[in-house]
PDB file of N, CA and C in Angstrom:
ATOM      1  N   MET A   1      21.954 -44.011  -7.451  1.00  0.00           N
ATOM      2  CA  MET A   1      22.901 -44.121  -6.345  1.00  0.00           C
ATOM      3  C   MET A   1      23.200 -42.691  -5.937  1.00  0.00           C
ATOM      4  N   THR A   2      23.251 -42.428  -4.672  1.00  0.00           N
ATOM      5  CA  THR A   2      23.642 -41.071  -4.178  1.00  0.00           C
ATOM      6  C   THR A   2      25.107 -40.916  -4.201  1.00  0.00           C
ATOM      7  N   LYS A   3      25.528 -39.641  -4.089  1.00  0.00           N
ATOM      8  CA  LYS A   3      26.974 -39.330  -4.068  1.00  0.00           C
ATOM      9  C   LYS A   3      27.629 -40.022  -2.839  1.00  0.00           C
ATOM     10  N   GLU A   4      26.945 -39.993  -1.721  1.00  0.00           N
ATOM     11  CA  GLU A   4      27.527 -40.562  -0.433  1.00  0.00           C
ATOM     12  C   GLU A   4      27.755 -42.116  -0.633  1.00  0.00           C
ATOM     13  N   LYS A   5      26.751 -42.759  -1.261  1.00  0.00           N
ATOM     14  CA  LYS A   5      26.820 -44.239  -1.454  1.00  0.00           C
ATOM     15  C   LYS A   5      27.977 -44.539  -2.436  1.00  0.00           C
ATOM     16  N   LEU A   6      28.154 -43.688  -3.449  1.00  0.00           N
ATOM     17  CA  LEU A   6      29.157 -43.924  -4.429  1.00  0.00           C
ATOM     18  C   LEU A   6      30.550 -43.779  -3.779  1.00  0.00           C
ATOM     19  N   LEU A   7      30.690 -42.781  -2.938  1.00  0.00           N
ATOM     20  CA  LEU A   7      32.044 -42.515  -2.291  1.00  0.00           C
ATOM     21  C   LEU A   7      32.341 -43.662  -1.292  1.00  0.00           C
ATOM     22  N   LYS A   8      31.264 -44.129  -0.647  1.00  0.00           N
ATOM     23  CA  LYS A   8      31.506 -45.269   0.342  1.00  0.00           C
ATOM     24  C   LYS A   8      31.933 -46.520  -0.427  1.00  0.00           C
ATOM     25  N   ALA A   9      31.237 -46.788  -1.577  1.00  0.00           N
ATOM     26  CA  ALA A   9      31.486 -47.954  -2.386  1.00  0.00           C
ATOM     27  C   ALA A   9      32.940 -47.846  -2.914  1.00  0.00           C
ATOM     28  N   LEU A  10      33.365 -46.654  -3.419  1.00  0.00           N
ATOM     29  CA  LEU A  10      34.703 -46.504  -3.881  1.00  0.00           C
ATOM     30  C   LEU A  10      35.769 -46.751  -2.778  1.00  0.00           C
ATOM     31  N   GLY A  11      35.438 -46.208  -1.595  1.00  0.00           N
ATOM     32  CA  GLY A  11      36.318 -46.420  -0.476  1.00  0.00           C
ATOM     33  C   GLY A  11      36.515 -47.850  -0.123  1.00  0.00           C
ATOM     34  N   LYS A  12      35.395 -48.603  -0.147  1.00  0.00           N
ATOM     35  CA  LYS A  12      35.445 -49.986   0.260  1.00  0.00           C
ATOM     36  C   LYS A  12      36.269 -50.766  -0.808  1.00  0.00           C
ATOM     37  N   LYS A  13      36.107 -50.395  -2.060  1.00  0.00           N
ATOM     38  CA  LYS A  13      36.822 -51.091  -3.133  1.00  0.00           C
ATOM     39  C   LYS A  13      38.344 -50.849  -2.962  1.00  0.00           C
ATOM     40  N   VAL A  14      38.713 -49.540  -2.776  1.00  0.00           N
ATOM     41  CA  VAL A  14      40.121 -49.250  -2.672  1.00  0.00           C
ATOM     42  C   VAL A  14      40.756 -49.994  -1.443  1.00  0.00           C
ATOM     43  N   LYS A  15      40.031 -50.017  -0.291  1.00  0.00           N
ATOM     44  CA  LYS A  15      40.484 -50.712   0.857  1.00  0.00           C
ATOM     45  C   LYS A  15      40.678 -52.215   0.610  1.00  0.00           C
ATOM     46  N   ALA A  16      39.696 -52.817   0.017  1.00  0.00           N
ATOM     47  CA  ALA A  16      39.722 -54.261  -0.277  1.00  0.00           C
ATOM     48  C   ALA A  16      40.921 -54.559  -1.284  1.00  0.00           C
ATOM     49  N   LEU A  17      41.118 -53.772  -2.272  1.00  0.00           N
ATOM     50  CA  LEU A  17      42.251 -54.022  -3.164  1.00  0.00           C
ATOM     51  C   LEU A  17      43.548 -53.785  -2.491  1.00  0.00           C
ATOM     52  N   ARG A  18      43.698 -52.751  -1.648  1.00  0.00           N
ATOM     53  CA  ARG A  18      44.895 -52.539  -0.908  1.00  0.00           C
ATOM     54  C   ARG A  18      45.205 -53.613  -0.007  1.00  0.00           C
ATOM     55  N   GLU A  19      44.249 -54.178   0.746  1.00  0.00           N
ATOM     56  CA  GLU A  19      44.462 -55.246   1.721  1.00  0.00           C
ATOM     57  C   GLU A  19      44.792 -56.523   0.875  1.00  0.00           C
ATOM     58  N   ALA A  20      44.123 -56.750  -0.204  1.00  0.00           N
ATOM     59  CA  ALA A  20      44.402 -57.934  -1.000  1.00  0.00           C
ATOM     60  C   ALA A  20      45.867 -57.978  -1.537  1.00  0.00           C
ATOM     61  N   LYS A  21      46.441 -56.766  -1.737  1.00  0.00           N
ATOM     62  CA  LYS A  21      47.806 -56.671  -2.122  1.00  0.00           C
ATOM     63  C   LYS A  21      48.808 -56.615  -0.913  1.00  0.00           C
ATOM     64  N   GLY A  22      48.208 -56.688   0.234  1.00  0.00           N
ATOM     65  CA  GLY A  22      49.079 -56.684   1.410  1.00  0.00           C
ATOM     66  C   GLY A  22      49.781 -55.373   1.688  1.00  0.00           C
ATOM     67  N   LEU A  23      49.149 -54.285   1.268  1.00  0.00           N
ATOM     68  CA  LEU A  23      49.732 -52.971   1.440  1.00  0.00           C
ATOM     69  C   LEU A  23      49.031 -52.290   2.616  1.00  0.00           C
ATOM     70  N   SER A  24      49.863 -51.572   3.357  1.00  0.00           N
ATOM     71  CA  SER A  24      49.382 -50.663   4.426  1.00  0.00           C
ATOM     72  C   SER A  24      48.964 -49.412   3.769  1.00  0.00           C
ATOM     73  N   GLN A  25      48.243 -48.541   4.557  1.00  0.00           N
ATOM     74  CA  GLN A  25      47.900 -47.240   4.041  1.00  0.00           C
ATOM     75  C   GLN A  25      49.178 -46.408   3.737  1.00  0.00           C
ATOM     76  N   TYR A  26      50.196 -46.641   4.550  1.00  0.00           N
ATOM     77  CA  TYR A  26      51.409 -45.953   4.383  1.00  0.00           C
ATOM     78  C   TYR A  26      52.017 -46.307   3.067  1.00  0.00           C
ATOM     79  N   ALA A  27      52.064 -47.629   2.803  1.00  0.00           N
ATOM     80  CA  ALA A  27      52.655 -48.142   1.607  1.00  0.00           C
ATOM     81  C   ALA A  27      51.901 -47.657   0.318  1.00  0.00           C
ATOM     82  N   LEU A  28      50.584 -47.651   0.410  1.00  0.00           N
ATOM     83  CA  LEU A  28      49.751 -47.132  -0.718  1.00  0.00           C
ATOM     84  C   LEU A  28      50.078 -45.624  -0.929  1.00  0.00           C
ATOM     85  N   SER A  29      50.246 -44.922   0.199  1.00  0.00           N
ATOM     86  CA  SER A  29      50.562 -43.514   0.100  1.00  0.00           C
ATOM     87  C   SER A  29      51.924 -43.351  -0.630  1.00  0.00           C
ATOM     88  N   ASP A  30      52.933 -44.092  -0.254  1.00  0.00           N
ATOM     89  CA  ASP A  30      54.228 -44.050  -0.857  1.00  0.00           C
ATOM     90  C   ASP A  30      54.137 -44.354  -2.375  1.00  0.00           C
ATOM     91  N   GLU A  31      53.409 -45.441  -2.706  1.00  0.00           N
ATOM     92  CA  GLU A  31      53.332 -45.885  -4.065  1.00  0.00           C
ATOM     93  C   GLU A  31      52.592 -44.954  -4.982  1.00  0.00           C
ATOM     94  N   SER A  32      51.546 -44.365  -4.387  1.00  0.00           N
ATOM     95  CA  SER A  32      50.661 -43.465  -5.215  1.00  0.00           C
ATOM     96  C   SER A  32      51.107 -41.987  -5.245  1.00  0.00           C
ATOM     97  N   GLY A  33      51.864 -41.620  -4.200  1.00  0.00           N
ATOM     98  CA  GLY A  33      52.242 -40.184  -4.135  1.00  0.00           C
ATOM     99  C   GLY A  33      51.146 -39.339  -3.488  1.00  0.00           C
ATOM    100  N   ILE A  34      50.175 -40.014  -2.933  1.00  0.00           N
ATOM    101  CA  ILE A  34      49.045 -39.295  -2.283  1.00  0.00           C
ATOM    102  C   ILE A  34      49.217 -39.387  -0.737  1.00  0.00           C
ATOM    103  N   ALA A  35      48.956 -38.303  -0.087  1.00  0.00           N
ATOM    104  CA  ALA A  35      49.120 -38.294   1.384  1.00  0.00           C
ATOM    105  C   ALA A  35      48.293 -39.326   2.002  1.00  0.00           C
ATOM    106  N   ARG A  36      48.824 -39.923   3.079  1.00  0.00           N
ATOM    107  CA  ARG A  36      48.085 -40.926   3.865  1.00  0.00           C
ATOM    108  C   ARG A  36      46.755 -40.445   4.332  1.00  0.00           C
ATOM    109  N   SER A  37      46.701 -39.220   4.767  1.00  0.00           N
ATOM    110  CA  SER A  37      45.444 -38.630   5.238  1.00  0.00           C
ATOM    111  C   SER A  37      44.390 -38.748   4.153  1.00  0.00           C
ATOM    112  N   GLN A  38      44.737 -38.503   2.901  1.00  0.00           N
ATOM    113  CA  GLN A  38      43.825 -38.550   1.826  1.00  0.00           C
ATOM    114  C   GLN A  38      43.400 -40.036   1.570  1.00  0.00           C
ATOM    115  N   ILE A  39      44.346 -40.939   1.663  1.00  0.00           N
ATOM    116  CA  ILE A  39      44.058 -42.379   1.525  1.00  0.00           C
ATOM    117  C   ILE A  39      42.978 -42.764   2.642  1.00  0.00           C
ATOM    118  N   VAL A  40      43.186 -42.313   3.807  1.00  0.00           N
ATOM    119  CA  VAL A  40      42.250 -42.586   4.940  1.00  0.00           C
ATOM    120  C   VAL A  40      40.839 -42.031   4.582  1.00  0.00           C
ATOM    121  N   ARG A  41      40.835 -40.769   4.123  1.00  0.00           N
ATOM    122  CA  ARG A  41      39.540 -40.128   3.818  1.00  0.00           C
ATOM    123  C   ARG A  41      38.882 -40.886   2.609  1.00  0.00           C
ATOM    124  N   LEU A  42      39.651 -41.262   1.582  1.00  0.00           N
ATOM    125  CA  LEU A  42      39.148 -41.964   0.475  1.00  0.00           C
ATOM    126  C   LEU A  42      38.503 -43.288   0.880  1.00  0.00           C
ATOM    127  N   GLU A  43      39.282 -44.107   1.695  1.00  0.00           N
ATOM    128  CA  GLU A  43      38.769 -45.388   2.098  1.00  0.00           C
ATOM    129  C   GLU A  43      37.543 -45.225   3.019  1.00  0.00           C
ATOM    130  N   ASN A  44      37.360 -44.121   3.736  1.00  0.00           N
ATOM    131  CA  ASN A  44      36.204 -43.876   4.582  1.00  0.00           C
ATOM    132  C   ASN A  44      35.023 -43.274   3.767  1.00  0.00           C
ATOM    133  N   GLY A  45      35.235 -42.994   2.565  1.00  0.00           N
ATOM    134  CA  GLY A  45      34.111 -42.501   1.742  1.00  0.00           C
ATOM    135  C   GLY A  45      33.934 -40.999   2.035  1.00  0.00           C
ATOM    136  N   GLU A  46      34.894 -40.270   2.479  1.00  0.00           N
ATOM    137  CA  GLU A  46      34.777 -38.855   2.841  1.00  0.00           C
ATOM    138  C   GLU A  46      35.527 -38.022   1.820  1.00  0.00           C
ATOM    139  N   LEU A  47      36.180 -38.565   0.841  1.00  0.00           N
ATOM    140  CA  LEU A  47      36.944 -37.758  -0.098  1.00  0.00           C
ATOM    141  C   LEU A  47      36.345 -37.948  -1.515  1.00  0.00           C
ATOM    142  N   ASN A  48      35.912 -36.802  -2.075  1.00  0.00           N
ATOM    143  CA  ASN A  48      35.486 -36.772  -3.416  1.00  0.00           C
ATOM    144  C   ASN A  48      36.654 -36.389  -4.260  1.00  0.00           C
ATOM    145  N   CYS A  49      37.415 -37.370  -4.678  1.00  0.00           N
ATOM    146  CA  CYS A  49      38.765 -37.094  -5.323  1.00  0.00           C
ATOM    147  C   CYS A  49      38.605 -36.838  -6.802  1.00  0.00           C
ATOM    148  N   THR A  50      39.736 -36.368  -7.348  1.00  0.00           N
ATOM    149  CA  THR A  50      39.771 -36.115  -8.792  1.00  0.00           C
ATOM    150  C   THR A  50      40.062 -37.336  -9.546  1.00  0.00           C
ATOM    151  N   ILE A  51      39.905 -37.339 -10.826  1.00  0.00           N
ATOM    152  CA  ILE A  51      40.205 -38.450 -11.699  1.00  0.00           C
ATOM    153  C   ILE A  51      41.697 -38.667 -11.659  1.00  0.00           C
ATOM    154  N   ALA A  52      42.470 -37.636 -11.545  1.00  0.00           N
ATOM    155  CA  ALA A  52      43.958 -37.810 -11.466  1.00  0.00           C
ATOM    156  C   ALA A  52      44.329 -38.611 -10.254  1.00  0.00           C
ATOM    157  N   THR A  53      43.667 -38.322  -9.151  1.00  0.00           N
ATOM    158  CA  THR A  53      43.954 -39.093  -7.838  1.00  0.00           C
ATOM    159  C   THR A  53      43.550 -40.473  -8.096  1.00  0.00           C
ATOM    160  N   LEU A  54      42.343 -40.764  -8.667  1.00  0.00           N
ATOM    161  CA  LEU A  54      41.967 -42.123  -8.936  1.00  0.00           C
ATOM    162  C   LEU A  54      42.937 -42.876  -9.801  1.00  0.00           C
ATOM    163  N   LEU A  55      43.521 -42.181 -10.800  1.00  0.00           N
ATOM    164  CA  LEU A  55      44.521 -42.788 -11.663  1.00  0.00           C
ATOM    165  C   LEU A  55      45.788 -43.186 -10.827  1.00  0.00           C
ATOM    166  N   GLN A  56      46.207 -42.313  -9.954  1.00  0.00           N
ATOM    167  CA  GLN A  56      47.377 -42.597  -9.178  1.00  0.00           C
ATOM    168  C   GLN A  56      47.145 -43.737  -8.251  1.00  0.00           C
ATOM    169  N   VAL A  57      45.959 -43.807  -7.640  1.00  0.00           N
ATOM    170  CA  VAL A  57      45.643 -44.959  -6.723  1.00  0.00           C
ATOM    171  C   VAL A  57      45.590 -46.251  -7.513  1.00  0.00           C
ATOM    172  N   ALA A  58      44.892 -46.241  -8.725  1.00  0.00           N
ATOM    173  CA  ALA A  58      44.815 -47.375  -9.530  1.00  0.00           C
ATOM    174  C   ALA A  58      46.172 -47.920  -9.975  1.00  0.00           C
ATOM    175  N   GLN A  59      46.995 -46.994 -10.399  1.00  0.00           N
ATOM    176  CA  GLN A  59      48.361 -47.426 -10.850  1.00  0.00           C
ATOM    177  C   GLN A  59      49.087 -48.052  -9.696  1.00  0.00           C
ATOM    178  N   ALA A  60      48.996 -47.480  -8.462  1.00  0.00           N
ATOM    179  CA  ALA A  60      49.696 -48.028  -7.347  1.00  0.00           C
ATOM    180  C   ALA A  60      49.173 -49.416  -6.954  1.00  0.00           C
ATOM    181  N   LEU A  61      47.867 -49.627  -7.202  1.00  0.00           N
ATOM    182  CA  LEU A  61      47.269 -50.924  -6.938  1.00  0.00           C
ATOM    183  C   LEU A  61      47.334 -51.848  -8.112  1.00  0.00           C
ATOM    184  N   GLU A  62      47.871 -51.458  -9.253  1.00  0.00           N
ATOM    185  CA  GLU A  62      48.132 -52.202 -10.406  1.00  0.00           C
ATOM    186  C   GLU A  62      46.746 -52.695 -10.984  1.00  0.00           C
ATOM    187  N   VAL A  63      45.765 -51.743 -11.050  1.00  0.00           N
ATOM    188  CA  VAL A  63      44.467 -52.022 -11.615  1.00  0.00           C
ATOM    189  C   VAL A  63      44.083 -50.904 -12.498  1.00  0.00           C
ATOM    190  N   GLU A  64      43.047 -51.045 -13.341  1.00  0.00           N
ATOM    191  CA  GLU A  64      42.503 -50.053 -14.156  1.00  0.00           C
ATOM    192  C   GLU A  64      41.622 -49.175 -13.330  1.00  0.00           C
ATOM    193  N   VAL A  65      41.458 -47.868 -13.647  1.00  0.00           N
ATOM    194  CA  VAL A  65      40.585 -47.005 -12.930  1.00  0.00           C
ATOM    195  C   VAL A  65      39.132 -47.556 -12.900  1.00  0.00           C
ATOM    196  N   LYS A  66      38.719 -48.153 -14.001  1.00  0.00           N
ATOM    197  CA  LYS A  66      37.357 -48.638 -14.041  1.00  0.00           C
ATOM    198  C   LYS A  66      37.057 -49.731 -12.978  1.00  0.00           C
ATOM    199  N   GLU A  67      38.115 -50.465 -12.551  1.00  0.00           N
ATOM    200  CA  GLU A  67      37.978 -51.420 -11.564  1.00  0.00           C
ATOM    201  C   GLU A  67      37.607 -50.802 -10.195  1.00  0.00           C
ATOM    202  N   LEU A  68      38.088 -49.593  -9.989  1.00  0.00           N
ATOM    203  CA  LEU A  68      37.794 -48.880  -8.731  1.00  0.00           C
ATOM    204  C   LEU A  68      36.358 -48.399  -8.660  1.00  0.00           C
ATOM    205  N   VAL A  69      35.812 -48.048  -9.835  1.00  0.00           N
ATOM    206  CA  VAL A  69      34.430 -47.491  -9.841  1.00  0.00           C
ATOM    207  C   VAL A  69      33.363 -48.370 -10.250  1.00  0.00           C
ATOM    208  N   GLU A  70      33.701 -49.560 -10.710  1.00  0.00           N
ATOM    209  CA  GLU A  70      32.686 -50.557 -11.110  1.00  0.00           C
ATOM    210  C   GLU A  70      32.058 -51.167  -9.894  1.00  0.00           C
ATOM    211  N   GLY A  71      30.727 -51.471  -9.970  1.00  0.00           N
ATOM    212  CA  GLY A  71      30.016 -52.095  -8.841  1.00  0.00           C
ATOM    213  C   GLY A  71      30.276 -53.483  -8.653  1.00  0.00           C
TER     214      GLY A  71
END
């Protein structure tokens, strides 16, 4: 898998989990402490984020980090 495909897959997963929880990007930003602009870039597969950022997103979505990165 290429880096681009991995980032796109991660973004799709984050977006799907966010929508399943009924959260807006603004709400996820508030819950995670991550700027909404970063949430947008993450969901669009444009952000190669740190593990710490993944942890913040996972905690806000109430999932394990591995759920974000598993295929």
